Amino acid sequence: MKLFLVDDHPIVRSGLTALFADEEDIEIVGEAANGADAVRLIALRRPDVVLMDLRLTGDMDGVGTTRRVRALPGPPRVLVLTTYESDTDIIRAIDAGASGYLLKDSPPERLFDAVREVGRGETVLSPPVAARLMHRVRDPLPALTPRELEIVRLLAEGAGNKEIAKRLFVTEATVKTHLRRIYTKLDVDTRTAAVRAAVDRSLIRLD
């Protein structure tokens, strides 16, 4: 089985290469630190499985790179290997075509098995990831209120708390309260992630 590594940390790539050295049925045929190089090299090397990090240098993150890779002729399967396990990251990766989602704290043996399983066409999820997906299915995230949607749209425009307060005729303290509720509902912890989650859930559009 041919494996390709995509991670922007050279030490991580070296560590993974060393881990797989004794796995006789898995051959690492290339690696890349960013999305553009990954897509170009994967098209040339034609691996069976791509081990993909979500946070990459350059203009494309791991989700965008996964989408591009899966659009190649006879595409390889993609196994996400990351430290991030928010609902938004998981859903975005799966929607982009990833066949598996594994956390970097998984034991090496589990990683080896996951690569083989994904290579066979199976779906692989770390237990915490599977649990989050099940929870999301059983208990969907609460909807944003009209005022919260309005604030997310202003976040998307790059407005700060002071400007949002001024435009909505409320205090900055009120804006901060709304932001805490928005973060909780979208399962994020930054303004950028809130906007991204809202776009992914089709709550707002970026024109």
N, C-alpha and C. Protein backbone atom coordinates (compact mmCIF):
# COMPACT_ATOMS: atom_id res chain seq x y z
N MET A 1 0.84 -1.18 0.00
CA MET A 1 0.00 0.00 0.00
C MET A 1 0.89 1.25 0.00
N LYS A 2 0.59 2.19 -0.88
CA LYS A 2 1.39 3.41 -0.99
C LYS A 2 0.74 4.52 -0.18
N LEU A 3 1.56 5.16 0.68
CA LEU A 3 1.08 6.18 1.60
C LEU A 3 1.79 7.51 1.34
N PHE A 4 1.02 8.60 1.39
CA PHE A 4 1.58 9.94 1.20
C PHE A 4 1.28 10.76 2.45
N LEU A 5 2.28 11.53 2.94
CA LEU A 5 2.14 12.31 4.17
C LEU A 5 1.96 13.80 3.86
N VAL A 6 0.98 14.42 4.50
CA VAL A 6 0.78 15.86 4.36
C VAL A 6 0.72 16.48 5.75
N ASP A 7 1.77 17.21 6.12
CA ASP A 7 1.83 17.86 7.43
C ASP A 7 2.87 18.98 7.33
N ASP A 8 2.57 20.13 7.92
CA ASP A 8 3.49 21.26 7.77
C ASP A 8 4.63 21.26 8.78
N HIS A 9 4.72 20.25 9.65
CA HIS A 9 5.81 20.14 10.60
C HIS A 9 6.80 19.05 10.15
N PRO A 10 8.03 19.44 9.80
CA PRO A 10 9.02 18.44 9.35
C PRO A 10 9.27 17.35 10.39
N ILE A 11 9.25 17.72 11.67
CA ILE A 11 9.50 16.72 12.71
C ILE A 11 8.39 15.68 12.74
N VAL A 12 7.14 16.13 12.53
CA VAL A 12 6.02 15.19 12.50
C VAL A 12 6.16 14.24 11.31
N ARG A 13 6.52 14.79 10.16
CA ARG A 13 6.68 13.94 8.97
C ARG A 13 7.81 12.94 9.17
N SER A 14 8.91 13.39 9.78
CA SER A 14 10.04 12.48 10.05
C SER A 14 9.62 11.39 11.03
N GLY A 15 8.85 11.80 12.04
CA GLY A 15 8.39 10.82 13.02
C GLY A 15 7.48 9.78 12.41
N LEU A 16 6.59 10.22 11.54
CA LEU A 16 5.68 9.28 10.87
C LEU A 16 6.46 8.34 9.96
N THR A 17 7.44 8.89 9.25
CA THR A 17 8.27 8.05 8.37
C THR A 17 8.97 6.97 9.18
N ALA A 18 9.49 7.35 10.34
CA ALA A 18 10.16 6.37 11.19
C ALA A 18 9.18 5.34 11.73
N LEU A 19 7.97 5.78 12.08
CA LEU A 19 6.96 4.85 12.60
C LEU A 19 6.61 3.77 11.59
N PHE A 20 6.46 4.18 10.34
CA PHE A 20 6.02 3.23 9.31
C PHE A 20 7.16 2.41 8.71
N ALA A 21 8.40 2.67 9.13
CA ALA A 21 9.55 2.01 8.52
C ALA A 21 9.48 0.49 8.64
N ASP A 22 8.92 -0.01 9.72
CA ASP A 22 8.88 -1.47 9.93
C ASP A 22 7.59 -2.11 9.43
N GLU A 23 6.70 -1.31 8.86
CA GLU A 23 5.45 -1.87 8.31
C GLU A 23 5.69 -2.27 6.86
N GLU A 24 5.93 -3.53 6.64
CA GLU A 24 6.38 -4.00 5.33
C GLU A 24 5.34 -3.82 4.23
N ASP A 25 4.06 -3.77 4.61
CA ASP A 25 3.03 -3.66 3.58
C ASP A 25 2.64 -2.21 3.28
N ILE A 26 3.32 -1.25 3.93
CA ILE A 26 3.02 0.17 3.71
C ILE A 26 4.29 0.90 3.29
N GLU A 27 4.24 1.55 2.14
CA GLU A 27 5.41 2.27 1.62
C GLU A 27 5.07 3.76 1.51
N ILE A 28 5.86 4.61 2.14
CA ILE A 28 5.66 6.05 2.03
C ILE A 28 6.30 6.51 0.72
N VAL A 29 5.46 7.07 -0.17
CA VAL A 29 5.92 7.44 -1.51
C VAL A 29 6.10 8.93 -1.69
N GLY A 30 5.87 9.71 -0.63
CA GLY A 30 6.06 11.15 -0.75
C GLY A 30 5.50 11.89 0.43
N GLU A 31 5.84 13.18 0.51
CA GLU A 31 5.34 14.02 1.58
C GLU A 31 5.28 15.47 1.11
N ALA A 32 4.45 16.25 1.79
CA ALA A 32 4.31 17.66 1.44
C ALA A 32 3.95 18.45 2.69
N ALA A 33 4.34 19.74 2.70
CA ALA A 33 4.08 20.60 3.84
C ALA A 33 2.91 21.55 3.61
N ASN A 34 2.44 21.64 2.36
CA ASN A 34 1.32 22.54 2.07
C ASN A 34 0.40 21.92 1.04
N GLY A 35 -0.77 22.52 0.89
CA GLY A 35 -1.80 21.94 0.03
C GLY A 35 -1.43 21.91 -1.44
N ALA A 36 -0.85 22.99 -1.93
CA ALA A 36 -0.52 23.06 -3.36
C ALA A 36 0.48 21.98 -3.75
N ASP A 37 1.55 21.84 -2.95
CA ASP A 37 2.54 20.79 -3.23
C ASP A 37 1.92 19.40 -3.10
N ALA A 38 1.04 19.25 -2.10
CA ALA A 38 0.41 17.95 -1.87
C ALA A 38 -0.39 17.52 -3.09
N VAL A 39 -1.23 18.40 -3.60
CA VAL A 39 -2.07 18.05 -4.75
C VAL A 39 -1.20 17.70 -5.96
N ARG A 40 -0.17 18.50 -6.20
CA ARG A 40 0.70 18.27 -7.35
C ARG A 40 1.44 16.93 -7.24
N LEU A 41 2.01 16.67 -6.07
CA LEU A 41 2.79 15.45 -5.91
C LEU A 41 1.92 14.19 -5.83
N ILE A 42 0.75 14.33 -5.24
CA ILE A 42 -0.15 13.18 -5.16
C ILE A 42 -0.61 12.77 -6.55
N ALA A 43 -0.84 13.75 -7.41
CA ALA A 43 -1.23 13.44 -8.79
C ALA A 43 -0.12 12.68 -9.51
N LEU A 44 1.14 12.94 -9.14
CA LEU A 44 2.27 12.26 -9.77
C LEU A 44 2.56 10.90 -9.15
N ARG A 45 2.53 10.84 -7.82
CA ARG A 45 2.92 9.61 -7.11
C ARG A 45 1.80 8.59 -7.01
N ARG A 46 0.58 9.05 -7.11
CA ARG A 46 -0.60 8.19 -7.10
C ARG A 46 -0.61 7.20 -5.91
N PRO A 47 -0.63 7.73 -4.68
CA PRO A 47 -0.69 6.86 -3.51
C PRO A 47 -2.08 6.25 -3.35
N ASP A 48 -2.17 5.25 -2.50
CA ASP A 48 -3.46 4.64 -2.18
C ASP A 48 -4.17 5.41 -1.07
N VAL A 49 -3.37 5.91 -0.12
CA VAL A 49 -3.92 6.62 1.03
C VAL A 49 -3.07 7.86 1.31
N VAL A 50 -3.74 8.93 1.67
CA VAL A 50 -3.06 10.17 2.07
C VAL A 50 -3.35 10.41 3.55
N LEU A 51 -2.29 10.63 4.32
CA LEU A 51 -2.42 10.97 5.73
C LEU A 51 -2.37 12.49 5.82
N MET A 52 -3.49 13.12 6.19
CA MET A 52 -3.67 14.56 6.04
C MET A 52 -3.83 15.29 7.37
N ASP A 53 -2.98 16.29 7.60
CA ASP A 53 -3.18 17.18 8.74
C ASP A 53 -4.18 18.27 8.33
N LEU A 54 -4.86 18.87 9.30
CA LEU A 54 -5.84 19.91 8.97
C LEU A 54 -5.24 21.30 8.88
N ARG A 55 -4.22 21.58 9.66
CA ARG A 55 -3.60 22.90 9.67
C ARG A 55 -2.34 22.87 8.83
N LEU A 56 -2.37 23.57 7.70
CA LEU A 56 -1.24 23.58 6.78
C LEU A 56 -0.83 25.01 6.48
N THR A 57 0.43 25.19 6.12
CA THR A 57 0.89 26.50 5.68
C THR A 57 0.36 26.75 4.27
N GLY A 58 0.30 28.02 3.88
CA GLY A 58 -0.18 28.35 2.54
C GLY A 58 -1.65 28.69 2.53
N ASP A 59 -2.20 28.77 1.33
CA ASP A 59 -3.58 29.23 1.14
C ASP A 59 -4.62 28.14 1.37
N MET A 60 -4.22 26.88 1.34
CA MET A 60 -5.17 25.78 1.49
C MET A 60 -4.96 25.05 2.80
N ASP A 61 -6.02 24.87 3.57
CA ASP A 61 -5.90 24.04 4.77
C ASP A 61 -6.10 22.58 4.40
N GLY A 62 -6.11 21.71 5.39
CA GLY A 62 -6.24 20.29 5.11
C GLY A 62 -7.57 19.92 4.49
N VAL A 63 -8.63 20.65 4.84
CA VAL A 63 -9.94 20.36 4.26
C VAL A 63 -9.96 20.72 2.78
N GLY A 64 -9.46 21.91 2.46
CA GLY A 64 -9.40 22.30 1.05
C GLY A 64 -8.52 21.37 0.24
N THR A 65 -7.41 20.95 0.83
CA THR A 65 -6.51 20.03 0.14
C THR A 65 -7.18 18.67 -0.05
N THR A 66 -7.90 18.21 0.95
CA THR A 66 -8.63 16.95 0.82
C THR A 66 -9.62 17.02 -0.33
N ARG A 67 -10.33 18.12 -0.42
CA ARG A 67 -11.32 18.29 -1.49
C ARG A 67 -10.65 18.24 -2.87
N ARG A 68 -9.49 18.91 -2.98
CA ARG A 68 -8.77 18.92 -4.26
C ARG A 68 -8.23 17.53 -4.59
N VAL A 69 -7.71 16.86 -3.58
CA VAL A 69 -7.15 15.52 -3.79
C VAL A 69 -8.24 14.55 -4.23
N ARG A 70 -9.39 14.64 -3.59
CA ARG A 70 -10.49 13.73 -3.92
C ARG A 70 -11.08 14.02 -5.30
N ALA A 71 -10.78 15.19 -5.85
CA ALA A 71 -11.26 15.53 -7.19
C ALA A 71 -10.31 15.06 -8.29
N LEU A 72 -9.16 14.51 -7.91
CA LEU A 72 -8.20 14.01 -8.90
C LEU A 72 -8.76 12.75 -9.57
N PRO A 73 -8.31 12.45 -10.78
CA PRO A 73 -8.72 11.19 -11.41
C PRO A 73 -8.22 9.99 -10.60
N GLY A 74 -9.08 9.02 -10.35
CA GLY A 74 -8.70 7.85 -9.56
C GLY A 74 -8.09 8.25 -8.24
N PRO A 75 -8.79 9.05 -7.45
CA PRO A 75 -8.19 9.66 -6.26
C PRO A 75 -7.86 8.66 -5.15
N PRO A 76 -6.85 8.99 -4.34
CA PRO A 76 -6.56 8.16 -3.17
C PRO A 76 -7.58 8.45 -2.08
N ARG A 77 -7.65 7.57 -1.11
CA ARG A 77 -8.49 7.83 0.05
C ARG A 77 -7.69 8.69 1.03
N VAL A 78 -8.41 9.48 1.80
CA VAL A 78 -7.75 10.42 2.72
C VAL A 78 -8.10 10.08 4.17
N LEU A 79 -7.06 9.96 4.98
CA LEU A 79 -7.23 9.75 6.42
C LEU A 79 -6.70 10.99 7.13
N VAL A 80 -7.57 11.72 7.78
CA VAL A 80 -7.15 12.91 8.53
C VAL A 80 -6.45 12.48 9.81
N LEU A 81 -5.30 13.08 10.08
CA LEU A 81 -4.57 12.85 11.33
C LEU A 81 -4.28 14.21 11.94
N THR A 82 -4.94 14.53 13.04
CA THR A 82 -4.89 15.88 13.56
C THR A 82 -5.03 15.91 15.07
N THR A 83 -4.78 17.07 15.66
CA THR A 83 -5.01 17.26 17.09
C THR A 83 -6.37 17.89 17.34
N TYR A 84 -7.05 18.32 16.27
CA TYR A 84 -8.30 19.05 16.40
C TYR A 84 -9.50 18.12 16.30
N GLU A 85 -10.47 18.29 17.22
CA GLU A 85 -11.64 17.42 17.22
C GLU A 85 -12.94 18.18 17.43
N SER A 86 -13.01 19.42 16.98
CA SER A 86 -14.27 20.16 17.10
C SER A 86 -15.26 19.60 16.08
N ASP A 87 -16.54 19.77 16.37
CA ASP A 87 -17.58 19.30 15.45
C ASP A 87 -17.37 19.89 14.07
N THR A 88 -17.02 21.17 14.02
CA THR A 88 -16.86 21.85 12.74
C THR A 88 -15.73 21.23 11.92
N ASP A 89 -14.58 20.99 12.56
CA ASP A 89 -13.45 20.38 11.84
C ASP A 89 -13.82 19.00 11.32
N ILE A 90 -14.48 18.21 12.14
CA ILE A 90 -14.85 16.85 11.75
C ILE A 90 -15.81 16.86 10.56
N ILE A 91 -16.85 17.66 10.66
CA ILE A 91 -17.86 17.71 9.60
C ILE A 91 -17.26 18.24 8.31
N ARG A 92 -16.43 19.27 8.39
CA ARG A 92 -15.80 19.82 7.19
C ARG A 92 -14.93 18.78 6.50
N ALA A 93 -14.16 18.04 7.29
CA ALA A 93 -13.27 17.04 6.70
C ALA A 93 -14.05 15.92 6.02
N ILE A 94 -15.09 15.45 6.67
CA ILE A 94 -15.91 14.37 6.09
C ILE A 94 -16.63 14.86 4.85
N ASP A 95 -17.16 16.08 4.91
CA ASP A 95 -17.85 16.65 3.74
C ASP A 95 -16.89 16.80 2.56
N ALA A 96 -15.62 17.04 2.85
CA ALA A 96 -14.63 17.21 1.78
C ALA A 96 -14.22 15.88 1.15
N GLY A 97 -14.61 14.77 1.79
CA GLY A 97 -14.32 13.46 1.21
C GLY A 97 -13.38 12.58 2.00
N ALA A 98 -13.01 13.00 3.21
CA ALA A 98 -12.13 12.16 4.02
C ALA A 98 -12.82 10.85 4.40
N SER A 99 -12.06 9.77 4.36
CA SER A 99 -12.60 8.45 4.73
C SER A 99 -12.39 8.13 6.20
N GLY A 100 -11.55 8.92 6.86
CA GLY A 100 -11.28 8.65 8.26
C GLY A 100 -10.81 9.90 8.98
N TYR A 101 -10.92 9.88 10.30
CA TYR A 101 -10.52 11.02 11.12
C TYR A 101 -9.91 10.46 12.39
N LEU A 102 -8.60 10.60 12.51
CA LEU A 102 -7.86 10.02 13.63
C LEU A 102 -7.13 11.14 14.37
N LEU A 103 -7.07 11.03 15.69
CA LEU A 103 -6.37 12.03 16.49
C LEU A 103 -4.91 11.63 16.68
N LYS A 104 -4.04 12.63 16.80
CA LYS A 104 -2.61 12.37 16.86
C LYS A 104 -2.17 11.70 18.16
N ASP A 105 -3.05 11.64 19.14
CA ASP A 105 -2.67 10.92 20.36
C ASP A 105 -3.03 9.44 20.30
N SER A 106 -3.45 8.98 19.12
CA SER A 106 -3.76 7.56 18.94
C SER A 106 -2.47 6.74 19.00
N PRO A 107 -2.53 5.50 19.52
CA PRO A 107 -1.34 4.63 19.54
C PRO A 107 -0.88 4.31 18.12
N PRO A 108 0.42 4.12 17.93
CA PRO A 108 0.94 3.79 16.60
C PRO A 108 0.22 2.60 15.95
N GLU A 109 -0.06 1.56 16.74
CA GLU A 109 -0.71 0.37 16.18
C GLU A 109 -2.08 0.73 15.60
N ARG A 110 -2.78 1.65 16.27
CA ARG A 110 -4.09 2.07 15.76
C ARG A 110 -3.93 2.84 14.47
N LEU A 111 -2.89 3.65 14.39
CA LEU A 111 -2.63 4.40 13.16
C LEU A 111 -2.34 3.45 12.00
N PHE A 112 -1.50 2.44 12.24
CA PHE A 112 -1.19 1.47 11.19
C PHE A 112 -2.47 0.78 10.69
N ASP A 113 -3.28 0.33 11.65
CA ASP A 113 -4.52 -0.35 11.30
C ASP A 113 -5.47 0.58 10.54
N ALA A 114 -5.52 1.85 10.97
CA ALA A 114 -6.42 2.81 10.33
C ALA A 114 -6.03 3.04 8.87
N VAL A 115 -4.74 3.14 8.61
CA VAL A 115 -4.29 3.32 7.22
C VAL A 115 -4.71 2.12 6.38
N ARG A 116 -4.53 0.93 6.91
CA ARG A 116 -4.93 -0.28 6.16
C ARG A 116 -6.44 -0.33 5.95
N GLU A 117 -7.21 0.03 6.97
CA GLU A 117 -8.67 0.00 6.87
C GLU A 117 -9.17 1.00 5.85
N VAL A 118 -8.62 2.21 5.88
CA VAL A 118 -9.01 3.23 4.90
C VAL A 118 -8.61 2.78 3.50
N GLY A 119 -7.43 2.16 3.40
CA GLY A 119 -6.99 1.64 2.10
C GLY A 119 -7.93 0.59 1.54
N ARG A 120 -8.60 -0.15 2.43
CA ARG A 120 -9.57 -1.17 1.99
C ARG A 120 -10.95 -0.58 1.72
N GLY A 121 -11.08 0.72 1.92
CA GLY A 121 -12.36 1.36 1.64
C GLY A 121 -13.26 1.50 2.85
N GLU A 122 -12.72 1.21 4.04
CA GLU A 122 -13.52 1.33 5.26
C GLU A 122 -13.45 2.75 5.82
N THR A 123 -14.38 3.07 6.69
CA THR A 123 -14.39 4.36 7.37
C THR A 123 -13.81 4.21 8.76
N VAL A 124 -12.93 5.13 9.14
CA VAL A 124 -12.24 5.05 10.42
C VAL A 124 -12.45 6.34 11.20
N LEU A 125 -12.86 6.21 12.46
CA LEU A 125 -13.03 7.37 13.33
C LEU A 125 -12.44 7.06 14.69
N SER A 126 -11.67 8.00 15.24
CA SER A 126 -11.23 7.85 16.62
C SER A 126 -12.45 7.79 17.53
N PRO A 127 -12.38 7.03 18.63
CA PRO A 127 -13.54 6.96 19.54
C PRO A 127 -14.07 8.33 19.97
N PRO A 128 -13.22 9.30 20.33
CA PRO A 128 -13.77 10.61 20.70
C PRO A 128 -14.51 11.29 19.54
N VAL A 129 -14.00 11.08 18.32
CA VAL A 129 -14.63 11.68 17.15
C VAL A 129 -15.98 11.02 16.89
N ALA A 130 -16.02 9.70 16.97
CA ALA A 130 -17.27 8.98 16.77
C ALA A 130 -18.30 9.41 17.82
N ALA A 131 -17.84 9.59 19.05
CA ALA A 131 -18.75 10.00 20.12
C ALA A 131 -19.32 11.39 19.85
N ARG A 132 -18.47 12.29 19.36
CA ARG A 132 -18.95 13.65 19.06
C ARG A 132 -19.97 13.62 17.94
N LEU A 133 -19.74 12.81 16.92
CA LEU A 133 -20.69 12.72 15.81
C LEU A 133 -22.02 12.14 16.27
N MET A 134 -21.96 11.12 17.11
CA MET A 134 -23.19 10.53 17.63
C MET A 134 -23.96 11.54 18.47
N HIS A 135 -23.23 12.30 19.28
CA HIS A 135 -23.88 13.32 20.11
C HIS A 135 -24.53 14.37 19.23
N ARG A 136 -23.83 14.73 18.15
CA ARG A 136 -24.37 15.76 17.26
C ARG A 136 -25.64 15.27 16.59
N VAL A 137 -25.67 13.99 16.19
CA VAL A 137 -26.87 13.44 15.56
C VAL A 137 -28.03 13.40 16.53
N ARG A 138 -27.72 13.00 17.77
CA ARG A 138 -28.78 12.85 18.77
C ARG A 138 -29.21 14.20 19.34
N ASP A 139 -28.27 15.13 19.42
CA ASP A 139 -28.54 16.42 20.05
C ASP A 139 -27.92 17.51 19.19
N PRO A 140 -28.57 17.87 18.07
CA PRO A 140 -28.01 18.86 17.16
C PRO A 140 -27.73 20.19 17.86
N LEU A 141 -26.74 20.92 17.32
CA LEU A 141 -26.42 22.22 17.90
C LEU A 141 -27.62 23.15 17.84
N PRO A 142 -27.86 23.93 18.90
CA PRO A 142 -29.00 24.85 18.91
C PRO A 142 -28.85 25.92 17.84
N ALA A 143 -29.97 26.40 17.37
CA ALA A 143 -29.97 27.41 16.31
C ALA A 143 -29.56 28.77 16.85
N LEU A 144 -28.94 29.57 16.00
CA LEU A 144 -28.61 30.93 16.38
C LEU A 144 -29.84 31.81 16.29
N THR A 145 -29.95 32.77 17.20
CA THR A 145 -31.06 33.71 17.15
C THR A 145 -30.80 34.73 16.04
N PRO A 146 -31.83 35.47 15.61
CA PRO A 146 -31.62 36.50 14.58
C PRO A 146 -30.53 37.49 14.97
N ARG A 147 -30.47 37.91 16.25
CA ARG A 147 -29.44 38.85 16.67
C ARG A 147 -28.05 38.20 16.61
N GLU A 148 -27.96 36.93 16.98
CA GLU A 148 -26.68 36.24 16.90
C GLU A 148 -26.22 36.09 15.46
N LEU A 149 -27.14 35.80 14.56
CA LEU A 149 -26.79 35.73 13.14
C LEU A 149 -26.30 37.08 12.63
N GLU A 150 -26.94 38.14 13.11
CA GLU A 150 -26.53 39.48 12.71
C GLU A 150 -25.10 39.76 13.16
N ILE A 151 -24.77 39.33 14.36
CA ILE A 151 -23.42 39.53 14.88
C ILE A 151 -22.41 38.70 14.09
N VAL A 152 -22.77 37.46 13.74
CA VAL A 152 -21.85 36.64 12.95
C VAL A 152 -21.60 37.27 11.58
N ARG A 153 -22.63 37.85 10.98
CA ARG A 153 -22.44 38.53 9.69
C ARG A 153 -21.47 39.69 9.84
N LEU A 154 -21.58 40.43 10.94
CA LEU A 154 -20.66 41.54 11.19
C LEU A 154 -19.24 41.03 11.45
N LEU A 155 -19.12 39.89 12.12
CA LEU A 155 -17.81 39.27 12.31
C LEU A 155 -17.18 38.95 10.96
N ALA A 156 -18.00 38.44 10.06
CA ALA A 156 -17.53 38.08 8.73
C ALA A 156 -17.03 39.30 7.97
N GLU A 157 -17.56 40.48 8.30
CA GLU A 157 -17.11 41.73 7.67
C GLU A 157 -15.85 42.26 8.33
N GLY A 158 -15.42 41.61 9.41
CA GLY A 158 -14.22 42.04 10.11
C GLY A 158 -14.46 43.06 11.20
N ALA A 159 -15.72 43.24 11.60
CA ALA A 159 -16.04 44.23 12.62
C ALA A 159 -15.58 43.77 14.00
N GLY A 160 -15.04 44.69 14.79
CA GLY A 160 -14.67 44.40 16.16
C GLY A 160 -15.84 44.61 17.10
N ASN A 161 -15.64 44.28 18.36
CA ASN A 161 -16.73 44.41 19.34
C ASN A 161 -17.28 45.83 19.42
N LYS A 162 -16.38 46.80 19.41
CA LYS A 162 -16.81 48.20 19.54
C LYS A 162 -17.68 48.61 18.35
N GLU A 163 -17.25 48.23 17.15
CA GLU A 163 -18.02 48.58 15.96
C GLU A 163 -19.36 47.86 15.94
N ILE A 164 -19.36 46.57 16.33
CA ILE A 164 -20.62 45.82 16.38
C ILE A 164 -21.59 46.48 17.34
N ALA A 165 -21.08 46.85 18.52
CA ALA A 165 -21.94 47.50 19.52
C ALA A 165 -22.54 48.79 18.97
N LYS A 166 -21.72 49.56 18.28
CA LYS A 166 -22.18 50.83 17.72
C LYS A 166 -23.24 50.62 16.65
N ARG A 167 -23.03 49.63 15.79
CA ARG A 167 -23.96 49.40 14.68
C ARG A 167 -25.27 48.79 15.15
N LEU A 168 -25.22 48.04 16.26
CA LEU A 168 -26.44 47.40 16.76
C LEU A 168 -27.08 48.17 17.92
N PHE A 169 -26.45 49.30 18.29
CA PHE A 169 -26.98 50.15 19.36
C PHE A 169 -27.09 49.37 20.68
N VAL A 170 -26.02 48.62 20.99
CA VAL A 170 -25.95 47.90 22.26
C VAL A 170 -24.59 48.17 22.88
N THR A 171 -24.38 47.69 24.09
CA THR A 171 -23.09 47.89 24.76
C THR A 171 -22.11 46.80 24.32
N GLU A 172 -20.82 47.08 24.54
CA GLU A 172 -19.81 46.07 24.22
C GLU A 172 -19.98 44.83 25.11
N ALA A 173 -20.43 45.04 26.34
CA ALA A 173 -20.67 43.91 27.23
C ALA A 173 -21.75 42.99 26.67
N THR A 174 -22.77 43.59 26.05
CA THR A 174 -23.83 42.79 25.43
C THR A 174 -23.29 42.00 24.25
N VAL A 175 -22.43 42.64 23.47
CA VAL A 175 -21.81 41.95 22.32
C VAL A 175 -21.00 40.75 22.82
N LYS A 176 -20.23 40.95 23.89
CA LYS A 176 -19.41 39.85 24.42
C LYS A 176 -20.29 38.70 24.91
N THR A 177 -21.42 39.03 25.51
CA THR A 177 -22.35 37.99 25.95
C THR A 177 -22.88 37.19 24.77
N HIS A 178 -23.26 37.90 23.72
CA HIS A 178 -23.74 37.23 22.51
C HIS A 178 -22.64 36.34 21.91
N LEU A 179 -21.40 36.83 21.90
CA LEU A 179 -20.30 36.06 21.33
C LEU A 179 -20.08 34.77 22.11
N ARG A 180 -20.16 34.84 23.43
CA ARG A 180 -20.00 33.61 24.23
C ARG A 180 -21.07 32.60 23.87
N ARG A 181 -22.30 33.05 23.67
CA ARG A 181 -23.39 32.14 23.31
C ARG A 181 -23.19 31.57 21.90
N ILE A 182 -22.72 32.42 21.00
CA ILE A 182 -22.46 31.99 19.63
C ILE A 182 -21.37 30.92 19.62
N TYR A 183 -20.28 31.16 20.36
CA TYR A 183 -19.18 30.19 20.42
C TYR A 183 -19.68 28.84 20.96
N THR A 184 -20.51 28.90 21.99
CA THR A 184 -21.02 27.67 22.59
C THR A 184 -21.90 26.91 21.60
N LYS A 185 -22.78 27.64 20.92
CA LYS A 185 -23.70 26.99 19.99
C LYS A 185 -22.98 26.40 18.78
N LEU A 186 -21.93 27.07 18.33
CA LEU A 186 -21.21 26.60 17.14
C LEU A 186 -20.03 25.70 17.50
N ASP A 187 -19.80 25.51 18.81
CA ASP A 187 -18.70 24.67 19.27
C ASP A 187 -17.35 25.16 18.75
N VAL A 188 -17.10 26.46 18.91
CA VAL A 188 -15.85 27.07 18.48
C VAL A 188 -15.33 27.95 19.61
N ASP A 189 -14.12 28.49 19.42
CA ASP A 189 -13.57 29.36 20.46
C ASP A 189 -12.89 30.60 19.91
N THR A 190 -13.07 30.87 18.62
CA THR A 190 -12.50 32.09 18.03
C THR A 190 -13.51 32.72 17.07
N ARG A 191 -13.30 33.99 16.77
CA ARG A 191 -14.18 34.70 15.84
C ARG A 191 -14.11 34.09 14.44
N THR A 192 -12.87 33.79 14.01
CA THR A 192 -12.70 33.21 12.68
C THR A 192 -13.39 31.86 12.57
N ALA A 193 -13.26 31.05 13.60
CA ALA A 193 -13.91 29.73 13.59
C ALA A 193 -15.42 29.86 13.60
N ALA A 194 -15.94 30.88 14.28
CA ALA A 194 -17.39 31.10 14.31
C ALA A 194 -17.92 31.42 12.92
N VAL A 195 -17.19 32.28 12.22
CA VAL A 195 -17.61 32.62 10.86
C VAL A 195 -17.55 31.40 9.95
N ARG A 196 -16.46 30.65 10.06
CA ARG A 196 -16.30 29.45 9.23
C ARG A 196 -17.40 28.43 9.51
N ALA A 197 -17.72 28.24 10.80
CA ALA A 197 -18.76 27.29 11.17
C ALA A 197 -20.12 27.74 10.64
N ALA A 198 -20.38 29.04 10.72
CA ALA A 198 -21.66 29.57 10.22
C ALA A 198 -21.78 29.38 8.72
N VAL A 199 -20.68 29.57 8.01
CA VAL A 199 -20.68 29.36 6.55
C VAL A 199 -20.88 27.89 6.23
N ASP A 200 -20.17 27.02 6.95
CA ASP A 200 -20.28 25.57 6.71
C ASP A 200 -21.70 25.07 6.95
N ARG A 201 -22.40 25.68 7.91
CA ARG A 201 -23.77 25.26 8.23
C ARG A 201 -24.79 26.04 7.40
N SER A 202 -24.29 26.82 6.42
CA SER A 202 -25.18 27.62 5.53
C SER A 202 -26.03 28.61 6.31
N LEU A 203 -25.50 29.11 7.44
CA LEU A 203 -26.21 30.11 8.21
C LEU A 203 -26.00 31.50 7.63
N ILE A 204 -24.81 31.72 7.05
CA ILE A 204 -24.50 32.97 6.37
C ILE A 204 -23.77 32.65 5.08
N ARG A 205 -23.69 33.63 4.21
CA ARG A 205 -22.96 33.50 2.96
C ARG A 205 -21.92 34.60 2.89
N LEU A 206 -20.75 34.25 2.35
CA LEU A 206 -19.71 35.23 2.13
C LEU A 206 -19.71 35.61 0.67
N ASP A 207 -20.10 36.83 0.38
CA ASP A 207 -20.17 37.27 -1.02
C ASP A 207 -18.84 37.82 -1.48
